[in-house]
Amino acid sequence: MRKRYNAVITALGGYVPETILSNHDLEKMVDTNNEWIISRTGIQERRILNDDSLATSDLATLAVKRLLEDNHVNPEEIECVIVATATPDYIMVSTASIVCEKAGLTKAWGVDSNSACSGFLYALTLGASLIESNRYKNVIVIGADANSTIVNYEDRNTCILFGDGAGAVLLEQTEEEVGLIDNVFKTDGSGKEHLIVTAGGSLHPSSPETLNQKLNYISQNGRIVFKAAIEGMTQTCTEVLERNGLDTADVNWLIPHQANLRIIHAVGDKLGLREDQVKVNIQRYGNTTAATIPLCMWEFQKDFKENDTLLLTAFGAGFSWGASYLKWGKLRK
């Protein structure tokens, strides 16, 4: 009988820039105030990559280096790097290839994945599939975004939401029943207009006209996204649990995409989870897009015990959304 292999997270790393953009800073930039931002989003501050010489690859590289150093991982062990990002350094040249070079991952090949806020979950299952196939044994999956590069700081509806950051996990091969067990993913392209950067791609290449119309920045229909996120994340969490014979009583931790505290609370409530079972750091970092879930796992990793059941869920542009079911394994350190 052919052996069954699973992909388990054995090391984590994270990085956020030092520059803090607080709600009080935003009060000086747009017509908003601290109390309104907190009541509507739960965000108190976000980190910004305040250096024109740095980009998403630098955020990702620093997260990877922290993963390698803190967990005593030999860079030559890494065979593949997958970077989930909606803000690549370049249109042509993958961010992953730059990360491999900057982080000294000389034995690895790299590829990017773009599913915006759902990107890390999608990249995680791609990395796990490589390991489950027995073609690779050590894969790093990164969620990284420099959202400040596509945020219009004159638009009070979006500039309050987004921050910059990166999180990385090392997936290793195991024969134990731990690691990534199952996913439920969905997409609906008809929702694309409600959360989009219109210009900069092949349909609307960047031009003086697109820049003047501010089409190179994030545009969002907040009400539609808010409702769809709650419904989509709750539904896919429920579906992945049901098809694995679980209910919410079996869940130790929910790690949701950090888009809005009200969305996070609504999903947790609908799933019947206690507030202390739901991991939240949006108040410090805002929405870091593909980085939110790995940053949460990195920050709260000491809370997770072997064989804990983790439910990860996200909703993002595309529309794209889904949930992943993990059994926590043993970390290297």
Protein backbone atom coordinates (compact mmCIF):
# COMPACT_ATOMS: atom_id res chain seq x y z
CA MET A 1 0.00 0.00 0.00
CA ARG A 2 1.30 3.45 -0.89
CA LYS A 3 2.25 5.58 2.09
CA ARG A 4 0.14 8.62 2.90
CA TYR A 5 2.06 11.79 3.64
CA ASN A 6 0.80 14.92 5.35
CA ALA A 7 2.22 18.44 5.41
CA VAL A 8 2.68 19.87 8.89
CA ILE A 9 3.76 23.34 10.01
CA THR A 10 7.02 23.01 11.95
CA ALA A 11 8.33 26.58 12.07
CA LEU A 12 6.97 30.11 11.71
CA GLY A 13 8.31 33.60 11.17
CA GLY A 14 6.80 37.05 10.92
CA TYR A 15 7.73 40.64 10.26
CA VAL A 16 6.02 44.03 10.39
CA PRO A 17 7.71 47.36 9.62
CA GLU A 18 8.74 49.64 12.47
CA THR A 19 6.79 52.69 11.25
CA ILE A 20 3.40 52.94 12.97
CA LEU A 21 0.48 54.75 11.35
CA SER A 22 -2.03 55.34 14.12
CA ASN A 23 -5.63 56.43 13.95
CA HIS A 24 -4.57 59.79 15.33
CA ASP A 25 -2.12 60.13 12.43
CA LEU A 26 -4.96 59.43 10.00
CA GLU A 27 -7.09 62.10 11.66
CA LYS A 28 -4.57 64.62 10.29
CA MET A 29 -4.75 63.17 6.77
CA VAL A 30 -8.46 62.53 6.09
CA ASP A 31 -11.85 63.36 7.56
CA THR A 32 -12.06 60.64 10.20
CA ASN A 33 -11.41 60.11 13.92
CA ASN A 34 -10.02 57.50 16.26
CA GLU A 35 -13.33 56.58 17.89
CA TRP A 36 -15.07 56.04 14.56
CA ILE A 37 -12.29 53.86 13.17
CA ILE A 38 -12.19 51.67 16.28
CA SER A 39 -15.98 51.30 16.45
CA ARG A 40 -16.24 50.36 12.76
CA THR A 41 -13.10 48.26 12.30
CA GLY A 42 -11.39 47.53 15.62
CA ILE A 43 -8.11 48.90 14.22
CA GLN A 44 -5.99 51.19 16.40
CA GLU A 45 -2.80 51.28 14.32
CA ARG A 46 -1.11 49.66 11.36
CA ARG A 47 2.52 49.24 10.23
CA ILE A 48 3.78 50.93 7.08
CA LEU A 49 6.86 50.19 4.96
CA ASN A 50 8.10 53.77 5.03
CA ASP A 51 11.11 53.32 2.73
CA ASP A 52 10.94 53.71 -1.05
CA SER A 53 13.90 51.36 -1.48
CA LEU A 54 12.02 48.43 0.09
CA ALA A 55 9.16 46.29 -1.22
CA THR A 56 7.08 43.20 -0.55
CA SER A 57 10.07 40.92 -1.10
CA ASP A 58 11.85 42.63 1.81
CA LEU A 59 8.89 42.03 4.15
CA ALA A 60 8.79 38.39 3.07
CA THR A 61 12.55 37.95 3.32
CA LEU A 62 12.67 39.29 6.87
CA ALA A 63 9.85 36.92 7.89
CA VAL A 64 11.73 34.00 6.31
CA LYS A 65 15.02 34.93 7.96
CA ARG A 66 13.28 35.06 11.33
CA LEU A 67 11.79 31.62 10.64
CA LEU A 68 15.19 30.19 9.74
CA GLU A 69 17.10 31.78 12.61
CA ASP A 70 14.58 31.27 15.40
CA ASN A 71 14.01 27.62 14.50
CA HIS A 72 17.57 26.64 13.50
CA VAL A 73 16.54 25.73 9.95
CA ASN A 74 19.29 25.22 7.38
CA PRO A 75 18.46 27.33 4.29
CA GLU A 76 19.72 24.51 2.06
CA GLU A 77 16.89 22.28 3.34
CA ILE A 78 14.27 24.45 1.64
CA GLU A 79 13.18 23.09 -1.74
CA CYS A 80 10.34 25.43 -2.71
CA VAL A 81 9.01 28.87 -1.78
CA ILE A 82 5.45 30.01 -2.49
CA VAL A 83 4.66 33.69 -1.95
CA ALA A 84 1.03 34.74 -1.67
CA THR A 85 0.83 38.44 -2.48
CA ALA A 86 -1.34 41.01 -4.23
CA THR A 87 1.50 43.54 -4.22
CA PRO A 88 4.43 41.89 -6.04
CA ASP A 89 7.66 43.82 -6.47
CA TYR A 90 7.27 43.60 -10.25
CA ILE A 91 4.64 42.59 -12.79
CA MET A 92 7.26 40.41 -14.48
CA VAL A 93 9.68 38.62 -12.10
CA SER A 94 8.12 36.66 -9.28
CA THR A 95 8.50 37.99 -5.76
CA ALA A 96 9.32 34.43 -4.69
CA SER A 97 12.44 34.35 -6.85
CA ILE A 98 13.65 37.58 -5.23
CA VAL A 99 12.95 36.17 -1.75
CA CYS A 100 14.94 33.03 -2.56
CA GLU A 101 17.91 35.20 -3.52
CA LYS A 102 17.66 37.61 -0.58
CA ALA A 103 17.10 34.89 2.02
CA GLY A 104 19.88 32.66 0.71
CA LEU A 105 17.57 29.81 -0.28
CA THR A 106 19.94 28.60 -2.99
CA LYS A 107 18.41 25.13 -3.35
CA ALA A 108 14.81 26.30 -3.72
CA TRP A 109 12.62 27.34 -6.63
CA GLY A 110 9.90 29.92 -6.10
CA VAL A 111 6.50 30.92 -7.42
CA ASP A 112 3.88 33.57 -6.60
CA SER A 113 0.16 33.11 -5.93
CA ASN A 114 -2.33 35.99 -6.01
CA SER A 115 -5.69 35.54 -4.34
CA ALA A 116 -5.50 38.74 -2.27
CA CYS A 117 -6.77 38.18 1.28
CA SER A 118 -7.38 34.47 0.61
CA GLY A 119 -3.91 34.11 -0.85
CA PHE A 120 -2.17 32.49 2.09
CA LEU A 121 -4.79 29.75 2.47
CA TYR A 122 -4.65 28.96 -1.24
CA ALA A 123 -0.84 28.95 -1.22
CA LEU A 124 -0.81 26.75 1.88
CA THR A 125 -2.78 24.03 0.14
CA LEU A 126 -0.53 24.29 -2.93
CA GLY A 127 2.53 23.82 -0.74
CA ALA A 128 0.90 20.96 1.13
CA SER A 129 0.01 19.24 -2.13
CA LEU A 130 3.67 19.26 -3.20
CA ILE A 131 4.58 17.52 0.05
CA GLU A 132 1.66 15.08 0.00
CA SER A 133 2.72 13.99 -3.50
CA ASN A 134 6.15 13.04 -2.03
CA ARG A 135 7.95 15.23 -4.56
CA TYR A 136 9.13 17.69 -1.90
CA LYS A 137 9.73 17.52 1.83
CA ASN A 138 10.38 21.14 2.90
CA VAL A 139 8.31 24.02 1.52
CA ILE A 140 8.06 27.57 2.83
CA VAL A 141 4.73 29.35 2.30
CA ILE A 142 4.63 33.12 2.77
CA GLY A 143 1.86 35.66 2.92
CA ALA A 144 3.21 39.17 2.33
CA ASP A 145 1.80 42.49 1.22
CA ALA A 146 2.94 46.11 1.10
CA ASN A 147 -0.59 47.48 0.95
CA SER A 148 0.56 51.04 1.54
CA THR A 149 1.76 51.05 -2.08
CA ILE A 150 -1.80 50.62 -3.39
CA VAL A 151 -3.74 52.60 -0.77
CA ASN A 152 -5.10 56.06 -1.56
CA TYR A 153 -4.51 58.06 1.61
CA GLU A 154 -7.14 60.55 0.51
CA ASP A 155 -9.85 57.85 0.57
CA ARG A 156 -11.08 57.58 4.16
CA ASN A 157 -13.05 54.42 3.40
CA THR A 158 -9.99 52.34 2.56
CA CYS A 159 -6.90 54.05 4.00
CA ILE A 160 -7.99 53.25 7.57
CA LEU A 161 -8.04 49.51 6.87
CA PHE A 162 -4.72 48.39 5.45
CA GLY A 163 -1.20 47.83 6.73
CA ASP A 164 1.99 46.09 5.63
CA GLY A 165 3.50 42.86 6.88
CA ALA A 166 4.55 39.28 6.20
CA GLY A 167 4.21 35.87 7.77
CA ALA A 168 5.89 32.61 6.79
CA VAL A 169 5.48 28.94 7.67
CA LEU A 170 7.64 25.90 7.00
CA LEU A 171 5.74 22.82 5.82
CA GLU A 172 7.46 19.50 6.35
CA GLN A 173 6.51 15.95 5.43
CA THR A 174 5.12 13.59 8.06
CA GLU A 175 3.30 10.25 8.20
CA GLU A 176 1.47 11.29 11.36
CA GLU A 177 -2.16 12.42 11.29
CA VAL A 178 -1.27 16.06 11.82
CA GLY A 179 -0.90 19.08 9.57
CA LEU A 180 -3.22 20.33 6.86
CA ILE A 181 -6.16 17.90 6.72
CA ASP A 182 -8.75 19.50 4.46
CA ASN A 183 -9.94 22.69 2.74
CA VAL A 184 -13.11 24.15 1.31
CA PHE A 185 -12.40 26.95 -1.17
CA LYS A 186 -14.78 29.05 -3.29
CA THR A 187 -14.53 31.75 -5.93
CA ASP A 188 -17.06 34.06 -7.57
CA GLY A 189 -15.65 36.34 -10.25
CA SER A 190 -18.87 38.35 -10.42
CA GLY A 191 -17.78 40.01 -7.16
CA LYS A 192 -14.56 41.40 -8.59
CA GLU A 193 -15.83 44.97 -9.00
CA HIS A 194 -16.54 45.31 -5.27
CA LEU A 195 -12.92 44.93 -4.15
CA ILE A 196 -10.38 45.73 -6.84
CA VAL A 197 -7.37 47.67 -8.05
CA THR A 198 -8.67 48.57 -11.51
CA ALA A 199 -5.48 49.68 -13.25
CA GLY A 200 -2.00 48.27 -13.56
CA GLY A 201 -2.86 44.97 -15.23
CA SER A 202 -3.26 43.97 -18.88
CA LEU A 203 -6.86 45.20 -19.14
CA HIS A 204 -6.09 48.74 -17.95
CA PRO A 205 -2.31 49.29 -18.06
CA SER A 206 -0.99 52.13 -15.94
CA SER A 207 -1.08 55.46 -17.74
CA PRO A 208 -1.26 59.16 -16.86
CA GLU A 209 -5.04 58.83 -17.17
CA THR A 210 -5.33 55.91 -14.72
CA LEU A 211 -3.04 57.70 -12.29
CA ASN A 212 -5.08 60.92 -12.50
CA GLN A 213 -8.28 58.95 -11.86
CA LYS A 214 -6.59 57.09 -8.98
CA LEU A 215 -7.44 53.72 -10.55
CA ASN A 216 -4.14 52.25 -9.36
CA TYR A 217 -5.42 52.20 -5.78
CA ILE A 218 -7.71 49.84 -3.87
CA SER A 219 -11.42 50.44 -4.39
CA GLN A 220 -13.98 48.73 -2.16
CA ASN A 221 -17.74 48.53 -1.74
CA GLY A 222 -17.59 48.02 2.00
CA ARG A 223 -21.20 47.01 2.64
CA ILE A 224 -21.24 44.26 0.04
CA VAL A 225 -17.83 42.91 1.07
CA PHE A 226 -18.79 42.99 4.76
CA LYS A 227 -21.91 40.88 4.26
CA ALA A 228 -20.30 38.47 1.80
CA ALA A 229 -17.29 37.93 4.08
CA ILE A 230 -19.41 36.91 7.07
CA GLU A 231 -21.55 34.56 4.99
CA GLY A 232 -18.66 33.05 3.04
CA MET A 233 -16.30 32.46 5.96
CA THR A 234 -19.04 31.00 8.17
CA GLN A 235 -20.34 28.72 5.42
CA THR A 236 -16.96 27.28 4.42
CA CYS A 237 -15.93 26.75 8.06
CA THR A 238 -19.16 24.85 8.67
CA GLU A 239 -18.72 22.81 5.49
CA VAL A 240 -15.12 21.75 6.18
CA LEU A 241 -16.06 20.68 9.71
CA GLU A 242 -19.13 18.73 8.60
CA ARG A 243 -17.33 16.75 5.92
CA ASN A 244 -14.67 15.76 8.46
CA GLY A 245 -17.20 14.64 11.06
CA LEU A 246 -16.49 17.56 13.39
CA ASP A 247 -18.51 20.31 14.98
CA THR A 248 -17.43 23.54 16.62
CA ALA A 249 -17.01 21.79 19.98
CA ASP A 250 -14.00 20.05 18.43
CA VAL A 251 -12.34 23.35 17.42
CA ASN A 252 -9.64 24.71 19.70
CA TRP A 253 -8.78 27.83 17.72
CA LEU A 254 -10.19 29.96 14.92
CA ILE A 255 -7.62 32.03 13.03
CA PRO A 256 -9.65 34.29 10.73
CA HIS A 257 -8.43 36.78 8.16
CA GLN A 258 -8.02 40.11 9.97
CA ALA A 259 -10.14 42.43 7.83
CA ASN A 260 -12.57 43.92 10.33
CA LEU A 261 -13.17 43.13 13.99
CA ARG A 262 -16.93 43.13 13.50
CA ILE A 263 -16.59 40.50 10.76
CA ILE A 264 -14.32 38.41 13.01
CA HIS A 265 -16.77 38.56 15.92
CA ALA A 266 -19.74 37.78 13.68
CA VAL A 267 -18.07 34.67 12.24
CA GLY A 268 -17.02 33.46 15.69
CA ASP A 269 -20.53 34.00 17.05
CA LYS A 270 -22.18 32.20 14.15
CA LEU A 271 -19.85 29.24 14.67
CA GLY A 272 -20.62 29.19 18.39
CA LEU A 273 -17.05 29.83 19.51
CA ARG A 274 -16.00 31.71 22.62
CA GLU A 275 -14.25 35.02 22.07
CA ASP A 276 -11.05 33.65 23.66
CA GLN A 277 -10.91 30.89 21.01
CA VAL A 278 -10.67 33.43 18.19
CA LYS A 279 -7.21 34.85 17.53
CA VAL A 280 -7.16 38.60 16.84
CA ASN A 281 -4.33 41.08 16.23
CA ILE A 282 -6.08 43.46 13.82
CA GLN A 283 -5.94 46.24 16.41
CA ARG A 284 -2.15 46.41 16.00
CA TYR A 285 -1.61 45.64 12.32
CA GLY A 286 -4.82 46.34 10.39
CA ASN A 287 -5.55 44.30 7.29
CA THR A 288 -2.25 43.00 5.91
CA THR A 289 -4.08 41.03 3.18
CA ALA A 290 -2.27 37.72 2.55
CA ALA A 291 -0.16 38.18 5.68
CA THR A 292 -2.92 38.28 8.32
CA ILE A 293 -3.31 34.55 8.98
CA PRO A 294 0.39 33.60 9.09
CA LEU A 295 1.12 36.68 11.23
CA CYS A 296 -1.59 35.55 13.65
CA MET A 297 -0.22 32.00 13.79
CA TRP A 298 3.31 33.30 14.30
CA GLU A 299 2.28 35.70 17.05
CA PHE A 300 0.14 33.19 18.97
CA GLN A 301 2.07 29.99 18.26
CA LYS A 302 2.83 29.37 21.95
CA ASP A 303 -0.90 28.96 22.58
CA PHE A 304 -1.23 26.03 20.17
CA LYS A 305 -0.68 22.53 21.57
CA GLU A 306 0.05 19.33 19.69
CA ASN A 307 -3.11 17.85 18.15
CA ASP A 308 -5.10 21.07 18.64
CA THR A 309 -7.70 21.61 15.94
CA LEU A 310 -7.20 24.91 14.09
CA LEU A 311 -9.70 26.42 11.69
CA LEU A 312 -8.31 29.04 9.30
CA THR A 313 -10.67 31.13 7.21
CA ALA A 314 -10.42 34.08 4.84
CA PHE A 315 -12.38 36.19 2.38
CA GLY A 316 -10.91 38.47 -0.25
CA ALA A 317 -10.94 40.00 -3.68
CA GLY A 318 -12.03 37.84 -6.53
CA PHE A 319 -14.33 37.16 -4.71
CA SER A 320 -12.29 34.38 -3.14
CA TRP A 321 -12.91 32.69 0.19
CA GLY A 322 -12.53 29.47 2.11
CA ALA A 323 -11.56 27.55 5.22
CA SER A 324 -8.76 25.13 6.11
CA TYR A 325 -8.71 22.49 8.85
CA LEU A 326 -5.37 21.78 10.53
CA LYS A 327 -4.17 19.47 13.27
CA TRP A 328 -1.30 21.24 15.00
CA GLY A 329 1.95 19.30 15.08
CA LYS A 330 5.27 19.64 16.88
CA LEU A 331 7.35 22.72 16.15
CA ARG A 332 11.10 22.45 15.62
CA LYS A 333 12.00 24.72 18.52
